[in-house]
Each structure stands twice: as structure tokens, then as C-alpha cells.
Protein backbone atom coordinates (compact mmCIF):
# COMPACT_ATOMS: atom_id res chain seq x y z
CA UNK A 1 1.16 -45.36 46.56
CA UNK A 2 2.26 -44.15 49.96
CA UNK A 3 1.07 -40.72 51.05
CA UNK A 4 2.60 -38.78 53.93
CA UNK A 5 0.20 -36.03 54.97
CA UNK A 6 1.46 -33.50 57.53
CA UNK A 7 3.61 -36.04 59.33
CA UNK A 8 7.18 -35.99 57.98
CA UNK A 9 8.18 -33.49 60.65
CA UNK A 10 7.48 -36.05 63.37
CA UNK A 11 10.16 -38.46 62.11
CA UNK A 12 13.71 -37.66 63.17
CA UNK A 13 15.48 -39.44 60.32
CA UNK A 14 13.97 -38.49 56.98
CA UNK A 15 16.36 -40.63 54.95
CA UNK A 16 15.68 -43.67 57.15
CA UNK A 17 11.93 -43.07 56.82
CA UNK A 18 12.15 -42.82 53.05
CA UNK A 19 14.36 -45.88 52.76
CA UNK A 20 11.96 -47.92 54.91
CA UNK A 21 8.89 -46.80 52.97
CA UNK A 22 10.53 -47.68 49.65
CA UNK A 23 10.74 -51.31 50.75
CA UNK A 24 6.92 -51.40 50.69
CA UNK A 25 6.56 -50.02 47.17
CA UNK A 26 5.71 -52.20 44.23
CA UNK A 27 7.34 -51.53 40.86
CA UNK A 28 6.28 -48.08 39.63
CA UNK A 29 5.06 -47.26 43.15
CA UNK A 30 5.16 -43.69 44.38
CA UNK A 31 5.66 -41.81 47.63
CA UNK A 32 3.82 -38.49 47.95
CA UNK A 33 4.63 -35.90 50.62
CA UNK A 34 1.94 -33.31 51.28
CA UNK A 35 1.55 -30.64 53.97
CA UNK A 36 5.08 -30.84 55.33
CA UNK A 37 7.64 -28.07 55.28
CA UNK A 38 11.23 -28.48 54.14
CA UNK A 39 13.63 -25.69 55.00
CA UNK A 40 16.65 -24.05 53.48
CA UNK A 41 19.57 -25.08 55.74
CA UNK A 42 20.12 -21.46 56.73
CA UNK A 43 16.49 -21.18 57.96
CA UNK A 44 16.39 -24.25 60.20
CA UNK A 45 17.69 -22.57 63.38
CA UNK A 46 15.02 -19.86 63.20
CA UNK A 47 12.34 -22.45 62.44
CA UNK A 48 13.34 -24.38 65.56
CA UNK A 49 12.98 -21.20 67.64
CA UNK A 50 9.49 -20.60 66.21
CA UNK A 51 8.51 -24.19 66.96
CA UNK A 52 9.70 -23.90 70.56
CA UNK A 53 7.82 -20.63 70.97
CA UNK A 54 4.66 -22.16 69.49
CA UNK A 55 4.64 -25.20 71.75
CA UNK A 56 5.62 -23.09 74.78
CA UNK A 57 2.60 -20.84 74.18
CA UNK A 58 0.43 -23.95 74.08
CA UNK A 59 1.89 -25.01 77.43
CA UNK A 60 3.80 -28.01 76.05
CA UNK A 61 7.38 -26.86 75.36
CA UNK A 62 8.63 -30.46 75.43
CA UNK A 63 6.76 -31.09 72.16
CA UNK A 64 9.35 -28.98 70.32
CA UNK A 65 11.88 -31.79 70.79
CA UNK A 66 9.55 -34.12 68.86
CA UNK A 67 9.24 -31.83 65.82
CA UNK A 68 12.01 -32.18 63.25
CA UNK A 69 12.93 -29.54 60.70
CA UNK A 70 14.08 -31.31 57.55
CA UNK A 71 16.25 -29.62 54.97
CA UNK A 72 15.28 -29.07 51.35
CA UNK A 73 18.41 -31.07 50.56
CA UNK A 74 16.47 -34.19 51.58
CA UNK A 75 14.03 -33.81 48.70
CA UNK A 76 16.48 -33.16 45.90
CA UNK A 77 15.46 -35.32 42.99
CA UNK A 78 11.79 -35.34 43.99
CA UNK A 79 9.23 -34.16 41.47
CA UNK A 80 7.35 -31.07 42.63
CA UNK A 81 3.66 -31.52 41.79
CA UNK A 82 2.54 -28.31 43.46
CA UNK A 83 4.33 -25.19 44.59
CA UNK A 84 2.90 -22.08 46.20
CA UNK A 85 1.98 -19.44 43.68
CA UNK A 86 2.88 -15.76 43.56
CA UNK A 87 2.14 -14.49 47.06
CA UNK A 88 1.59 -10.82 46.18
CA UNK A 89 -0.78 -11.47 43.29
CA UNK A 90 -2.82 -13.98 45.30
CA UNK A 91 -3.00 -11.54 48.22
CA UNK A 92 -4.27 -8.76 45.94
CA UNK A 93 -6.88 -11.13 44.49
CA UNK A 94 -7.71 -12.47 47.97
CA UNK A 95 -7.07 -16.05 46.87
CA UNK A 96 -6.09 -18.58 49.55
CA UNK A 97 -3.12 -20.78 48.79
CA UNK A 98 -1.45 -23.61 50.64
CA UNK A 99 2.03 -22.79 51.95
CA UNK A 100 3.06 -26.40 51.39
CA UNK A 101 4.51 -28.07 48.33
CA UNK A 102 3.49 -31.50 47.08
CA UNK A 103 6.42 -33.80 46.34
CA UNK A 104 6.56 -37.16 44.60
CA UNK A 105 9.25 -39.77 44.30
CA UNK A 106 9.43 -43.37 43.15
CA UNK A 107 11.34 -46.28 44.57
CA UNK A 108 14.11 -45.54 42.07
CA UNK A 109 15.54 -42.52 43.85
């Protein structure tokens, strides 16, 4: 099993990363992606602006060029093991929820 925790966004080529990792999997091996956002293509430009603003406020605007916003298209065919629940209901109940999905794929994809 290979687990990518909060790091996919620091690799520029998601497909190259996935292809490389699959070479290390044994039969029936799995790749899990946790704590990484994937964006609708239409939302990527705004996400890049938010990232630049965030790193600029920290005093390191150059870091924005090292953060990559991957499209949801890259994870088509992945199994979703966890997805954020109903936001309104959880807010009313004051229940914390992760904004990140948990994705799984095998070497067969």
C-alpha cells in the first residue's frame, strides 16, 4: 500500500506521479490519497489566486508556484472511500468534518 497524505499538490505532474508509484505496487496493491484537494476544472483559476494570496500573506509568494491544483478529472475511476458529509446538517449539530476526500486506486487503473 502506498499512502499519499497531504502531498499530491506538491507534484506538478499527477499522472506521472501515479504512473511511477504504480511501478512499486505488488499485485493487489493499492494507492490511497488522503488530505489533498482536487478541483473542478472551472474552479482551478480561483484556487490558484487563493493560494497566491495565502503564501503572499505568509511572506513567501514564490511558494505558490510550487503548489499544483489538480483537476478532479485526474481521479476518475478512483474509488471514493470517504466524502465530506452534509455541510449544513453538520454545522447545525456542531460536528467537525474533514474537507478532504479519501481516494483509492489499484495498479490496474
